[in-house]
Amino acid sequence: MNNSNNSNEWQVICRVEDIPVLGARRVARPVGVDVAVFRNAEDQVFALLDRCPHKGGPLSQGIVFGTSVACPLHNWAIGLQDGCAQSPDEGCTPRFAVK
């Protein structure tokens, strides 16, 4: 995961196999909101701030479907590729680069 502007600074979080398929792994940060690392059915991995842009719900507890996650509080669909709520809802949560 890369959470800086310098693309050469990567932080090893876990192996892909350590993230549940259609689920997430929460990564604690020393300061601020944790990060949720998601894995979909196609083994694609995404990382978002673990906070829904609507009411701040923990996205790591949501249900992954395709390239979206449903917030566990109000079922908002958040795009895993961009961190943005899907229409008609609005708002985005920060995303992090993964490799």
N, C-alpha and C. Protein backbone atom coordinates (compact mmCIF):
# COMPACT_ATOMS: atom_id res chain seq x y z
N MET A 1 0.85 -1.17 0.00
CA MET A 1 0.00 0.00 0.00
C MET A 1 0.89 1.23 0.00
N ASN A 2 0.48 2.24 -0.72
CA ASN A 2 1.23 3.48 -0.80
C ASN A 2 0.30 4.61 -0.37
N ASN A 3 0.67 5.30 0.70
CA ASN A 3 -0.18 6.39 1.17
C ASN A 3 0.56 7.73 1.16
N SER A 4 1.54 7.82 0.28
CA SER A 4 2.28 9.08 0.17
C SER A 4 2.32 9.53 -1.27
N ASN A 5 2.87 10.70 -1.48
CA ASN A 5 3.01 11.20 -2.84
C ASN A 5 4.22 10.61 -3.55
N ASN A 6 5.07 9.91 -2.82
CA ASN A 6 6.26 9.29 -3.41
C ASN A 6 5.93 7.84 -3.73
N SER A 7 5.85 7.50 -5.00
CA SER A 7 5.45 6.16 -5.41
C SER A 7 6.48 5.10 -5.09
N ASN A 8 7.67 5.50 -4.59
CA ASN A 8 8.69 4.52 -4.22
C ASN A 8 8.57 4.08 -2.77
N GLU A 9 7.66 4.66 -2.00
CA GLU A 9 7.49 4.33 -0.60
C GLU A 9 6.26 3.45 -0.42
N TRP A 10 6.48 2.14 -0.38
CA TRP A 10 5.39 1.19 -0.22
C TRP A 10 5.48 0.55 1.15
N GLN A 11 4.33 0.24 1.72
CA GLN A 11 4.27 -0.44 3.01
C GLN A 11 3.65 -1.81 2.79
N VAL A 12 4.36 -2.86 3.20
CA VAL A 12 3.83 -4.21 3.09
C VAL A 12 2.77 -4.40 4.17
N ILE A 13 1.58 -4.80 3.74
CA ILE A 13 0.46 -4.99 4.67
C ILE A 13 0.23 -6.48 4.93
N CYS A 14 0.10 -7.24 3.85
CA CYS A 14 -0.17 -8.67 3.96
C CYS A 14 -0.10 -9.29 2.57
N ARG A 15 -0.25 -10.60 2.52
CA ARG A 15 -0.36 -11.30 1.25
C ARG A 15 -1.81 -11.24 0.80
N VAL A 16 -2.04 -11.34 -0.49
CA VAL A 16 -3.41 -11.33 -1.01
C VAL A 16 -4.23 -12.43 -0.34
N GLU A 17 -3.63 -13.57 -0.11
CA GLU A 17 -4.33 -14.70 0.50
C GLU A 17 -4.79 -14.41 1.93
N ASP A 18 -4.21 -13.40 2.56
CA ASP A 18 -4.59 -13.03 3.92
C ASP A 18 -5.85 -12.17 3.97
N ILE A 19 -6.31 -11.71 2.81
CA ILE A 19 -7.53 -10.90 2.74
C ILE A 19 -8.66 -11.84 2.31
N PRO A 20 -9.74 -11.91 3.06
CA PRO A 20 -10.82 -12.83 2.68
C PRO A 20 -11.45 -12.43 1.34
N VAL A 21 -11.75 -13.43 0.51
CA VAL A 21 -12.44 -13.18 -0.75
C VAL A 21 -13.80 -12.57 -0.42
N LEU A 22 -14.16 -11.51 -1.13
CA LEU A 22 -15.40 -10.75 -0.91
C LEU A 22 -15.44 -10.15 0.50
N GLY A 23 -14.26 -9.82 1.02
CA GLY A 23 -14.18 -9.24 2.35
C GLY A 23 -13.07 -8.22 2.44
N ALA A 24 -12.70 -7.91 3.67
CA ALA A 24 -11.70 -6.88 3.90
C ALA A 24 -10.84 -7.23 5.11
N ARG A 25 -9.71 -6.58 5.15
CA ARG A 25 -8.82 -6.63 6.30
C ARG A 25 -8.59 -5.19 6.72
N ARG A 26 -8.78 -4.93 8.00
CA ARG A 26 -8.58 -3.57 8.53
C ARG A 26 -7.13 -3.40 8.93
N VAL A 27 -6.54 -2.31 8.50
CA VAL A 27 -5.14 -2.00 8.81
C VAL A 27 -5.10 -0.77 9.69
N ALA A 28 -4.60 -0.94 10.91
CA ALA A 28 -4.52 0.17 11.85
C ALA A 28 -3.39 1.11 11.46
N ARG A 29 -3.65 2.38 11.62
CA ARG A 29 -2.63 3.40 11.39
C ARG A 29 -2.32 4.06 12.73
N PRO A 30 -1.08 4.53 12.91
CA PRO A 30 -0.73 5.13 14.19
C PRO A 30 -1.54 6.40 14.50
N VAL A 31 -1.94 7.12 13.46
CA VAL A 31 -2.73 8.34 13.62
C VAL A 31 -3.83 8.35 12.57
N GLY A 32 -5.01 8.73 12.97
CA GLY A 32 -6.10 8.86 12.02
C GLY A 32 -6.91 7.59 11.86
N VAL A 33 -7.78 7.63 10.88
CA VAL A 33 -8.71 6.53 10.60
C VAL A 33 -7.95 5.36 9.97
N ASP A 34 -8.35 4.14 10.34
CA ASP A 34 -7.74 2.93 9.77
C ASP A 34 -8.03 2.84 8.28
N VAL A 35 -7.33 1.92 7.63
CA VAL A 35 -7.51 1.66 6.20
C VAL A 35 -8.13 0.27 6.05
N ALA A 36 -9.06 0.14 5.12
CA ALA A 36 -9.66 -1.15 4.80
C ALA A 36 -9.09 -1.63 3.48
N VAL A 37 -8.56 -2.87 3.47
CA VAL A 37 -8.01 -3.46 2.25
C VAL A 37 -8.99 -4.56 1.83
N PHE A 38 -9.54 -4.43 0.63
CA PHE A 38 -10.59 -5.31 0.14
C PHE A 38 -10.07 -6.26 -0.94
N ARG A 39 -10.73 -7.41 -1.06
CA ARG A 39 -10.45 -8.38 -2.12
C ARG A 39 -11.78 -8.84 -2.71
N ASN A 40 -11.90 -8.73 -4.03
CA ASN A 40 -13.16 -9.17 -4.64
C ASN A 40 -13.02 -10.59 -5.19
N ALA A 41 -14.06 -11.07 -5.85
CA ALA A 41 -14.08 -12.45 -6.34
C ALA A 41 -13.05 -12.70 -7.43
N GLU A 42 -12.60 -11.65 -8.11
CA GLU A 42 -11.60 -11.79 -9.17
C GLU A 42 -10.18 -11.59 -8.63
N ASP A 43 -10.03 -11.60 -7.31
CA ASP A 43 -8.74 -11.39 -6.62
C ASP A 43 -8.14 -10.01 -6.86
N GLN A 44 -8.96 -9.04 -7.21
CA GLN A 44 -8.50 -7.66 -7.30
C GLN A 44 -8.46 -7.10 -5.87
N VAL A 45 -7.47 -6.28 -5.59
CA VAL A 45 -7.29 -5.72 -4.26
C VAL A 45 -7.41 -4.20 -4.33
N PHE A 46 -8.10 -3.63 -3.36
CA PHE A 46 -8.34 -2.19 -3.29
C PHE A 46 -8.14 -1.74 -1.84
N ALA A 47 -7.80 -0.48 -1.64
CA ALA A 47 -7.65 0.06 -0.29
C ALA A 47 -8.33 1.42 -0.20
N LEU A 48 -9.17 1.55 0.82
CA LEU A 48 -9.89 2.79 1.08
C LEU A 48 -9.77 3.15 2.55
N LEU A 49 -9.93 4.41 2.86
CA LEU A 49 -10.06 4.81 4.25
C LEU A 49 -11.27 4.08 4.80
N ASP A 50 -11.19 3.54 6.00
CA ASP A 50 -12.26 2.71 6.56
C ASP A 50 -13.38 3.57 7.14
N ARG A 51 -13.91 4.46 6.30
CA ARG A 51 -14.99 5.34 6.75
C ARG A 51 -15.88 5.68 5.57
N CYS A 52 -17.14 5.35 5.68
CA CYS A 52 -18.11 5.70 4.65
C CYS A 52 -18.26 7.23 4.60
N PRO A 53 -18.35 7.81 3.39
CA PRO A 53 -18.49 9.26 3.30
C PRO A 53 -19.86 9.76 3.79
N HIS A 54 -20.81 8.87 4.00
CA HIS A 54 -22.15 9.26 4.41
C HIS A 54 -22.23 9.51 5.92
N LYS A 55 -22.07 8.46 6.71
CA LYS A 55 -22.19 8.58 8.16
C LYS A 55 -20.96 8.06 8.90
N GLY A 56 -19.89 7.78 8.17
CA GLY A 56 -18.65 7.34 8.82
C GLY A 56 -18.62 5.88 9.20
N GLY A 57 -19.51 5.07 8.65
CA GLY A 57 -19.55 3.64 8.96
C GLY A 57 -18.27 2.93 8.55
N PRO A 58 -17.92 1.84 9.24
CA PRO A 58 -16.70 1.09 8.93
C PRO A 58 -16.88 0.25 7.66
N LEU A 59 -16.30 0.69 6.56
CA LEU A 59 -16.45 -0.02 5.29
C LEU A 59 -15.87 -1.43 5.35
N SER A 60 -14.90 -1.66 6.23
CA SER A 60 -14.30 -2.99 6.35
C SER A 60 -15.31 -4.03 6.82
N GLN A 61 -16.43 -3.59 7.36
CA GLN A 61 -17.49 -4.51 7.80
C GLN A 61 -18.59 -4.65 6.76
N GLY A 62 -18.40 -4.02 5.60
CA GLY A 62 -19.41 -4.07 4.55
C GLY A 62 -19.30 -5.32 3.69
N ILE A 63 -20.22 -5.46 2.77
CA ILE A 63 -20.27 -6.59 1.85
C ILE A 63 -19.69 -6.17 0.51
N VAL A 64 -18.71 -6.92 0.03
CA VAL A 64 -18.06 -6.64 -1.25
C VAL A 64 -18.84 -7.33 -2.36
N PHE A 65 -19.13 -6.58 -3.42
CA PHE A 65 -19.77 -7.16 -4.61
C PHE A 65 -19.19 -6.47 -5.83
N GLY A 66 -18.62 -7.26 -6.73
CA GLY A 66 -17.97 -6.70 -7.91
C GLY A 66 -16.82 -5.80 -7.50
N THR A 67 -16.89 -4.54 -7.91
CA THR A 67 -15.87 -3.56 -7.52
C THR A 67 -16.48 -2.49 -6.62
N SER A 68 -17.40 -2.92 -5.75
CA SER A 68 -18.04 -2.02 -4.79
C SER A 68 -18.12 -2.69 -3.43
N VAL A 69 -18.37 -1.86 -2.42
CA VAL A 69 -18.63 -2.36 -1.07
C VAL A 69 -19.87 -1.65 -0.57
N ALA A 70 -20.75 -2.40 0.10
CA ALA A 70 -21.96 -1.82 0.68
C ALA A 70 -21.66 -1.43 2.13
N CYS A 71 -21.89 -0.18 2.46
CA CYS A 71 -21.67 0.28 3.83
C CYS A 71 -22.61 -0.49 4.77
N PRO A 72 -22.09 -0.96 5.91
CA PRO A 72 -22.93 -1.73 6.82
C PRO A 72 -24.00 -0.91 7.54
N LEU A 73 -23.89 0.41 7.54
CA LEU A 73 -24.87 1.23 8.27
C LEU A 73 -26.12 1.54 7.45
N HIS A 74 -25.93 1.98 6.20
CA HIS A 74 -27.08 2.40 5.41
C HIS A 74 -27.08 1.84 4.00
N ASN A 75 -26.22 0.86 3.75
CA ASN A 75 -26.19 0.14 2.48
C ASN A 75 -25.78 1.01 1.29
N TRP A 76 -25.09 2.12 1.54
CA TRP A 76 -24.57 2.91 0.42
C TRP A 76 -23.55 2.07 -0.33
N ALA A 77 -23.56 2.10 -1.64
CA ALA A 77 -22.57 1.40 -2.46
C ALA A 77 -21.41 2.35 -2.73
N ILE A 78 -20.21 1.94 -2.33
CA ILE A 78 -19.01 2.74 -2.50
C ILE A 78 -18.11 2.03 -3.51
N GLY A 79 -17.70 2.73 -4.54
CA GLY A 79 -16.81 2.16 -5.56
C GLY A 79 -15.43 1.90 -4.98
N LEU A 80 -14.93 0.69 -5.14
CA LEU A 80 -13.61 0.35 -4.61
C LEU A 80 -12.49 0.96 -5.45
N GLN A 81 -12.76 1.26 -6.71
CA GLN A 81 -11.73 1.83 -7.57
C GLN A 81 -11.49 3.31 -7.32
N ASP A 82 -12.53 4.02 -6.89
CA ASP A 82 -12.36 5.47 -6.69
C ASP A 82 -12.78 5.96 -5.31
N GLY A 83 -13.42 5.12 -4.52
CA GLY A 83 -13.85 5.51 -3.18
C GLY A 83 -15.10 6.36 -3.15
N CYS A 84 -15.78 6.50 -4.30
CA CYS A 84 -16.94 7.38 -4.38
C CYS A 84 -18.26 6.61 -4.28
N ALA A 85 -19.23 7.26 -3.63
CA ALA A 85 -20.57 6.68 -3.54
C ALA A 85 -21.17 6.64 -4.94
N GLN A 86 -21.94 5.58 -5.17
CA GLN A 86 -22.57 5.43 -6.47
C GLN A 86 -23.92 6.13 -6.48
N SER A 87 -24.27 6.70 -7.62
CA SER A 87 -25.47 7.49 -7.79
C SER A 87 -26.71 6.71 -7.31
N PRO A 88 -27.64 7.34 -6.67
CA PRO A 88 -27.81 8.78 -6.52
C PRO A 88 -27.07 9.37 -5.31
N ASP A 89 -26.39 8.54 -4.54
CA ASP A 89 -25.68 9.02 -3.36
C ASP A 89 -24.43 9.79 -3.79
N GLU A 90 -23.92 10.64 -2.91
CA GLU A 90 -22.76 11.46 -3.23
C GLU A 90 -21.76 11.45 -2.09
N GLY A 91 -20.49 11.64 -2.43
CA GLY A 91 -19.43 11.70 -1.45
C GLY A 91 -18.37 10.67 -1.76
N CYS A 92 -17.14 10.93 -1.32
CA CYS A 92 -16.03 10.01 -1.56
C CYS A 92 -15.21 9.83 -0.30
N THR A 93 -14.57 8.70 -0.20
CA THR A 93 -13.60 8.44 0.85
C THR A 93 -12.25 8.25 0.17
N PRO A 94 -11.17 8.68 0.81
CA PRO A 94 -9.85 8.54 0.17
C PRO A 94 -9.49 7.09 -0.15
N ARG A 95 -8.78 6.91 -1.25
CA ARG A 95 -8.30 5.58 -1.63
C ARG A 95 -6.78 5.58 -1.58
N PHE A 96 -6.22 4.39 -1.54
CA PHE A 96 -4.78 4.21 -1.46
C PHE A 96 -4.34 3.27 -2.58
N ALA A 97 -3.19 3.53 -3.16
CA ALA A 97 -2.66 2.66 -4.21
C ALA A 97 -2.21 1.34 -3.60
N VAL A 98 -2.43 0.26 -4.32
CA VAL A 98 -1.99 -1.07 -3.88
C VAL A 98 -1.28 -1.76 -5.03
N LYS A 99 -0.41 -2.71 -4.68
CA LYS A 99 0.21 -3.54 -5.70
C LYS A 99 0.58 -4.87 -5.09
